[in-house]
Structures are given as structure tokens and as C-alpha cells.
Protein backbone atom coordinates (compact mmCIF):
# COMPACT_ATOMS: atom_id res chain seq x y z
CA MET A 1 12.39 -16.63 4.69
CA ASP A 2 13.87 -13.67 2.83
CA LEU A 3 11.79 -10.83 1.41
CA ILE A 4 11.59 -12.44 -2.04
CA ASP A 5 10.06 -15.60 -0.57
CA ILE A 6 7.80 -13.59 1.74
CA SER A 7 6.56 -11.51 -1.19
CA LYS A 8 5.83 -14.62 -3.26
CA SER A 9 3.91 -16.11 -0.35
CA ILE A 10 1.85 -12.93 0.04
CA ARG A 11 1.11 -12.93 -3.70
CA ARG A 12 -0.08 -16.54 -3.52
CA THR A 13 -2.43 -15.59 -0.70
CA ILE A 14 -3.80 -12.69 -2.76
CA ILE A 15 -4.52 -15.03 -5.67
CA GLU A 16 -6.23 -17.44 -3.27
CA LEU A 17 -8.38 -14.67 -1.78
CA ALA A 18 -9.32 -13.34 -5.22
CA HIS A 19 -10.22 -16.83 -6.42
CA ASN A 20 -12.32 -17.72 -3.38
CA SER A 21 -14.18 -14.41 -3.30
CA LYS A 22 -14.57 -13.95 -7.07
CA GLY A 23 -13.63 -10.34 -6.34
CA PRO A 24 -11.68 -7.67 -8.28
CA HIS A 25 -8.59 -5.50 -7.61
CA VAL A 26 -6.05 -8.30 -8.02
CA GLY A 27 -3.64 -6.19 -10.09
CA SER A 28 -3.79 -3.29 -7.63
CA SER A 29 -2.99 -5.63 -4.75
CA LEU A 30 -0.10 -7.42 -6.46
CA SER A 31 1.67 -4.18 -7.39
CA CYS A 32 2.33 -3.06 -3.79
CA VAL A 33 3.34 -6.40 -2.21
CA ASP A 34 7.10 -5.76 -2.16
CA ILE A 35 6.54 -2.43 -0.43
CA LEU A 36 4.32 -3.98 2.26
CA ALA A 37 6.66 -6.93 2.78
CA THR A 38 9.62 -4.61 3.34
CA LEU A 39 7.66 -2.37 5.70
CA TYR A 40 6.20 -5.15 7.83
CA PHE A 41 9.19 -7.48 7.96
CA ASN A 42 12.15 -5.06 7.88
CA VAL A 43 11.19 -1.54 8.88
CA MET A 44 8.16 -1.02 11.12
CA ASN A 45 8.23 -1.37 14.89
CA PHE A 46 5.33 -3.28 16.50
CA GLU A 47 6.58 -3.68 20.08
CA PRO A 48 4.94 -2.76 22.30
CA TRP A 49 1.74 -2.83 20.25
CA GLU A 50 0.40 0.27 22.03
CA LYS A 51 3.42 2.23 20.74
CA ARG A 52 3.57 0.63 17.30
CA ASP A 53 4.35 2.38 14.04
CA ILE A 54 1.28 2.95 11.89
CA PHE A 55 0.67 1.84 8.32
CA ILE A 56 -2.30 3.19 6.37
CA LEU A 57 -3.37 1.74 3.03
CA SER A 58 -4.97 4.82 1.52
CA LYS A 59 -5.64 2.97 -1.75
CA ALA A 60 -8.00 0.77 0.23
CA HIS A 61 -9.26 -1.23 -2.76
CA ALA A 62 -5.94 -3.14 -2.53
CA ALA A 63 -7.12 -4.56 0.81
CA MET A 64 -6.11 -8.12 -0.17
CA ALA A 65 -2.47 -7.05 -0.09
CA LEU A 66 -2.75 -5.72 3.46
CA TYR A 67 -4.77 -8.66 4.78
CA SER A 68 -2.29 -11.12 3.29
CA THR A 69 0.67 -9.23 4.75
CA LEU A 70 -0.89 -8.99 8.21
CA ALA A 71 -1.50 -12.74 8.16
CA ALA A 72 2.05 -13.48 6.97
CA ARG A 73 3.45 -11.28 9.77
CA GLY A 74 1.28 -13.02 12.36
CA ILE A 75 -0.66 -9.89 13.29
CA ILE A 76 -3.98 -11.48 12.33
CA ASP A 77 -4.93 -15.14 12.36
CA LYS A 78 -4.89 -16.70 8.90
CA SER A 79 -8.36 -18.13 9.52
CA LEU A 80 -9.76 -14.60 9.14
CA LEU A 81 -8.82 -14.72 5.47
CA ASP A 82 -11.46 -17.40 4.86
CA GLY A 83 -14.15 -14.76 5.39
CA TYR A 84 -12.75 -12.23 2.93
CA TYR A 85 -15.49 -10.63 0.80
CA GLN A 86 -18.12 -13.18 1.84
CA ASN A 87 -21.69 -12.66 3.04
CA ASN A 88 -21.53 -12.45 6.85
CA GLY A 89 -17.77 -12.74 6.49
CA THR A 90 -14.83 -11.27 8.39
CA LEU A 91 -12.91 -8.97 6.07
CA PRO A 92 -14.52 -6.53 3.61
CA ALA A 93 -13.25 -5.73 0.12
CA HIS A 94 -12.48 -2.17 1.28
CA LEU A 95 -10.90 -1.65 4.67
CA ASP A 96 -12.89 -1.34 7.87
CA ARG A 97 -10.81 -0.50 10.94
CA PHE A 98 -13.14 -2.45 13.21
CA SER A 99 -12.74 -5.69 11.25
CA ALA A 100 -9.34 -6.87 12.46
CA LYS A 101 -6.18 -6.01 14.34
CA GLY A 102 -3.75 -3.90 12.33
CA ILE A 103 -6.39 -2.20 10.17
CA GLU A 104 -5.72 1.36 11.28
CA THR A 105 -8.31 3.21 9.17
CA SER A 106 -11.44 2.52 7.18
CA GLY A 107 -11.07 3.26 3.48
CA GLY A 108 -12.96 3.57 0.25
CA ALA A 109 -12.97 7.18 -0.90
CA LEU A 110 -9.50 7.87 -2.21
CA GLY A 111 -7.34 10.54 -0.62
CA HIS A 112 -8.68 10.13 2.91
CA GLY A 113 -6.19 7.69 4.44
CA PHE A 114 -3.25 9.88 3.47
CA ASN A 115 -4.62 12.83 5.44
CA ILE A 116 -5.70 10.72 8.41
CA GLY A 117 -2.08 9.60 8.57
CA LEU A 118 -0.89 13.19 8.59
CA GLY A 119 -3.18 13.90 11.53
CA MET A 120 -1.78 10.91 13.41
CA SER A 121 1.77 12.07 12.70
CA TYR A 122 0.96 15.53 14.02
CA GLY A 123 -0.53 14.01 17.18
CA PHE A 124 2.52 11.82 17.78
CA LYS A 125 4.84 14.78 17.25
CA ASN A 126 2.87 17.01 19.61
CA ASN A 127 2.90 14.28 22.27
CA LYS A 128 6.63 13.72 21.72
CA GLU A 129 6.02 10.06 20.87
CA ASP A 130 8.71 8.29 18.90
CA ARG A 131 6.31 6.70 16.45
CA LYS A 132 6.27 6.77 12.67
CA VAL A 133 3.39 6.77 10.21
CA TYR A 134 3.52 5.29 6.71
CA ALA A 135 0.80 5.76 4.09
CA LEU A 136 0.57 4.10 0.69
CA ILE A 137 -1.32 5.98 -2.02
CA GLY A 138 -2.04 5.14 -5.65
CA ASP A 139 -0.95 7.22 -8.61
CA GLY A 140 -4.61 7.56 -9.64
CA GLU A 141 -5.35 8.61 -6.08
CA SER A 142 -2.90 11.47 -6.59
CA GLN A 143 -5.53 13.06 -8.81
CA GLU A 144 -7.58 13.81 -5.68
CA GLY A 145 -7.42 17.40 -4.42
CA SER A 146 -7.28 16.20 -0.83
CA ILE A 147 -3.85 14.69 -1.49
CA TRP A 148 -2.44 18.07 -2.44
CA GLU A 149 -4.05 19.79 0.53
CA GLY A 150 -2.16 17.35 2.72
CA ALA A 151 0.99 17.89 0.68
CA LEU A 152 0.86 21.57 1.65
CA PHE A 153 0.01 20.84 5.29
CA ALA A 154 2.80 18.40 6.21
CA PRO A 155 5.96 20.44 5.49
CA LYS A 156 4.54 23.46 7.31
CA LEU A 157 4.38 21.34 10.46
CA GLY A 158 7.71 19.59 9.87
CA LEU A 159 6.18 16.10 9.94
CA SER A 160 9.43 14.20 9.51
CA ASN A 161 7.77 11.19 11.19
CA PHE A 162 5.49 10.73 8.16
CA THR A 163 6.41 8.76 5.05
CA ALA A 164 4.13 8.46 2.04
CA ILE A 165 4.71 5.96 -0.76
CA THR A 166 3.15 6.35 -4.20
CA ASP A 167 2.41 3.01 -5.86
CA TYR A 168 3.22 4.36 -9.31
CA ASN A 169 2.08 1.59 -11.66
CA ASN A 170 0.59 4.10 -14.15
CA LEU A 171 -2.56 2.05 -14.64
CA GLN A 172 -5.85 2.84 -12.97
CA GLY A 173 -9.39 1.62 -13.53
CA TYR A 174 -9.96 3.35 -16.87
CA GLY A 175 -6.51 3.71 -18.39
CA ARG A 176 -3.04 5.15 -17.89
CA ALA A 177 -2.95 7.51 -14.93
CA ARG A 178 -0.80 10.07 -16.72
CA ASP A 179 -3.21 10.11 -19.69
CA ILE A 180 -6.37 10.49 -17.61
CA CYS A 181 -5.07 13.37 -15.49
CA SER A 182 -1.60 14.69 -16.14
CA PHE A 183 0.40 15.04 -12.93
CA GLU A 184 3.93 14.75 -14.23
CA PRO A 185 6.64 15.58 -13.29
CA LEU A 186 5.59 13.87 -10.07
CA ARG A 187 8.96 13.96 -8.31
CA SER A 188 9.46 17.66 -9.00
CA LYS A 189 5.95 18.46 -7.76
CA TRP A 190 6.50 16.81 -4.39
CA GLN A 191 9.89 18.47 -4.06
CA ALA A 192 8.32 21.84 -4.85
CA PHE A 193 5.76 21.22 -2.09
CA GLY A 194 8.63 20.84 0.39
CA TRP A 195 8.88 17.06 0.69
CA HIS A 196 12.03 14.94 0.86
CA THR A 197 11.40 13.00 -2.35
CA ILE A 198 12.97 9.75 -3.57
CA GLU A 199 12.20 7.74 -6.70
CA ILE A 200 12.90 4.00 -6.71
CA ASP A 201 12.11 0.64 -8.27
CA GLY A 202 9.10 -0.40 -6.19
CA HIS A 203 9.93 -4.10 -6.56
CA ASP A 204 13.56 -3.87 -5.40
CA HIS A 205 13.48 -4.77 -1.72
CA LYS A 206 16.87 -3.20 -0.97
CA ALA A 207 15.94 0.04 -2.72
CA ILE A 208 12.64 0.12 -0.81
CA ASN A 209 14.39 -0.54 2.49
CA ASP A 210 17.06 2.11 1.87
CA ALA A 211 14.46 4.72 0.90
CA LEU A 212 12.31 4.01 3.95
CA ASN A 213 15.33 4.41 6.23
CA GLU A 214 16.81 7.49 4.52
CA ASP A 215 17.01 10.58 6.72
CA PRO A 216 14.33 13.05 5.49
CA MET A 217 16.27 16.05 6.87
CA GLY A 218 13.38 17.29 8.97
CA LYS A 219 10.81 17.03 6.16
CA PRO A 220 7.94 14.64 5.43
CA LYS A 221 9.07 11.97 2.98
CA MET A 222 7.55 10.91 -0.34
CA ILE A 223 8.81 7.72 -1.98
CA ILE A 224 7.72 7.38 -5.60
CA ALA A 225 7.81 3.61 -6.12
CA CYS A 226 7.74 2.69 -9.82
CA THR A 227 5.78 -0.54 -9.92
CA THR A 228 3.95 -2.87 -12.30
CA LYS A 229 0.25 -3.57 -11.85
CA GLY A 230 -0.21 -7.31 -11.41
CA LYS A 231 3.47 -7.84 -10.57
CA GLY A 232 4.54 -11.45 -10.16
CA VAL A 233 1.99 -13.05 -12.48
CA SER A 234 3.08 -12.55 -16.09
CA PHE A 235 -0.36 -12.58 -17.73
CA MET A 236 -1.62 -10.00 -15.23
CA GLU A 237 1.31 -7.60 -15.44
CA ASP A 238 0.54 -4.12 -16.80
CA GLN A 239 -2.93 -5.18 -17.91
CA MET A 240 -5.78 -2.79 -17.08
CA VAL A 241 -8.33 -5.63 -17.09
CA TRP A 242 -6.84 -6.95 -13.86
CA HIS A 243 -8.30 -4.00 -12.03
CA TYR A 244 -11.58 -5.92 -12.44
CA TYR A 245 -11.13 -9.46 -13.78
CA ILE A 246 -11.92 -12.52 -11.69
CA VAL A 247 -9.49 -15.37 -10.95
CA THR A 248 -11.00 -18.60 -12.28
CA ASP A 249 -9.85 -22.12 -11.38
CA GLU A 250 -7.70 -22.29 -14.48
CA LEU A 251 -6.13 -18.86 -13.93
CA LYS A 252 -5.43 -19.63 -10.29
CA LYS A 253 -3.54 -22.77 -11.30
CA LYS A 254 -1.59 -20.84 -13.92
CA ALA A 255 -0.73 -18.07 -11.45
CA PHE A 256 0.39 -20.53 -8.77
CA GLU A 257 2.75 -22.21 -11.25
CA GLU A 258 4.54 -18.87 -11.63
CA LEU A 259 4.56 -18.16 -7.88
CA ARG A 260 6.06 -21.46 -6.70
């Protein structure tokens, strides 16, 4: 399977999980699928597991995207997905690092996973371990002060083994991210904080791959991935309601027709 097929398969799993659980955050999960597919199938090293690269989903409400990717990659058994967001189930709606293999951090409060990843990167660097850390944050999450504390911390320590990706879909729970809290120009801000900064189409697998592999010149790397909330399902794309709406039987069928 190529990355386009893998991404479609992951999106189908997300729709299935959302339908079975009657849970929210479908749009948030669909927007970052191409990034996760490229990371897990093209970029990250998992052998040996004890020396693996680390991925942290700091926007932990998009947990369905990570669970679906881990299952597609064979890191977790697909049977675990049956217990997603169920009473006495297996996988919670927000990440819990004790729930399954490959869940590196617990998440819920935005801005925390990003900084946990920086700490891991610093530890690996100090121990002279050739391991990389990747963290995915949301554009709404970038409104958190903790993000900018970390942004100051990383260049000072030369954490070139750390890559952050902003899932820039410009649509959070209550509106457009740039309208709720202005943080533009985002690329210039990260550059001014001393990061190697790249802006790409967050649904172009080649562009994602090239950005992830680009030499950061001794700096931490920020990839601003311009994405679409709900990507892959036309009636969900760029619609704020899909931060919350539930996938009914009819909508599942309609979504699956587009994701064949």
C-alpha cells in the first residue's frame, strides 16, 4: 500500500471508531492523518523498540487518529479498537500512556505533550542517544502559554533531535483559530524564536516527508502543516460542527462511499 491508500484506510477506521463510540473530535482526527501516516510508515524508526523514535500527540483529543495509525502499523492489535470510548473499554477518548503500546504520554490539557517531548529530546541528547522526538500540536493549542515557554527553551539547548508539527487547519472548537486569538504571522514567530521553520501542504505526503527529513541546521524544527479539518470526507471538511458532531449510520455510509 502507498501512503494515499494507507491514509484512506486510517480515515475509514476513524469513521468506524467515531460511529461505534458516538464520540466527537472526528474533524480534528481526520485533519492530521496524512502527517501520521508519513511519520509512521516512512520516517520513524521503531527497531529496536527500546531505542525507538518517539511520537507525541499533544492535541490529544485527536486520539482516534493515533489509535488508527498504531493499528495500521501493527504496533497495537486491531482488537483494541473495539473498546475505544466504551464503558470498561480499552482506549480512552483522550490519551492515557498506560492504555496501549505506542502511547507515549497521557494527554488532555493542551500544551503539555509538546513540552514533555522537549524534555525527552533533552534527555536523549544528554545521553548521546540517536533518537528523535516528534510532537504534533494544534493551531488552537498554540494559544497556550506553555507552548511559547517551550519555544524559548528548545533553541537554547540546541534540540535538533526535536521536530514539532502544527496541524494548522484554522478551525478550533469555537471558531477560526486566527479570529479567536491572533497568532499570525506564525512562521515568522517560530523563526524569531530560533526554530528551523518550514511551511507545507499538510496533506501532500511528499512535502511532509521532505520537511520531516530536512536538515534543521542544529536547531529544533517546526513544520507548519496547512491542513483541512475533516479532510477526506467532503461534508466534514472545514466545518466547525465536526469538532463535536456524531457519526450516524447514514453519515457513516456516506463517508465510506467517499473513502473507498
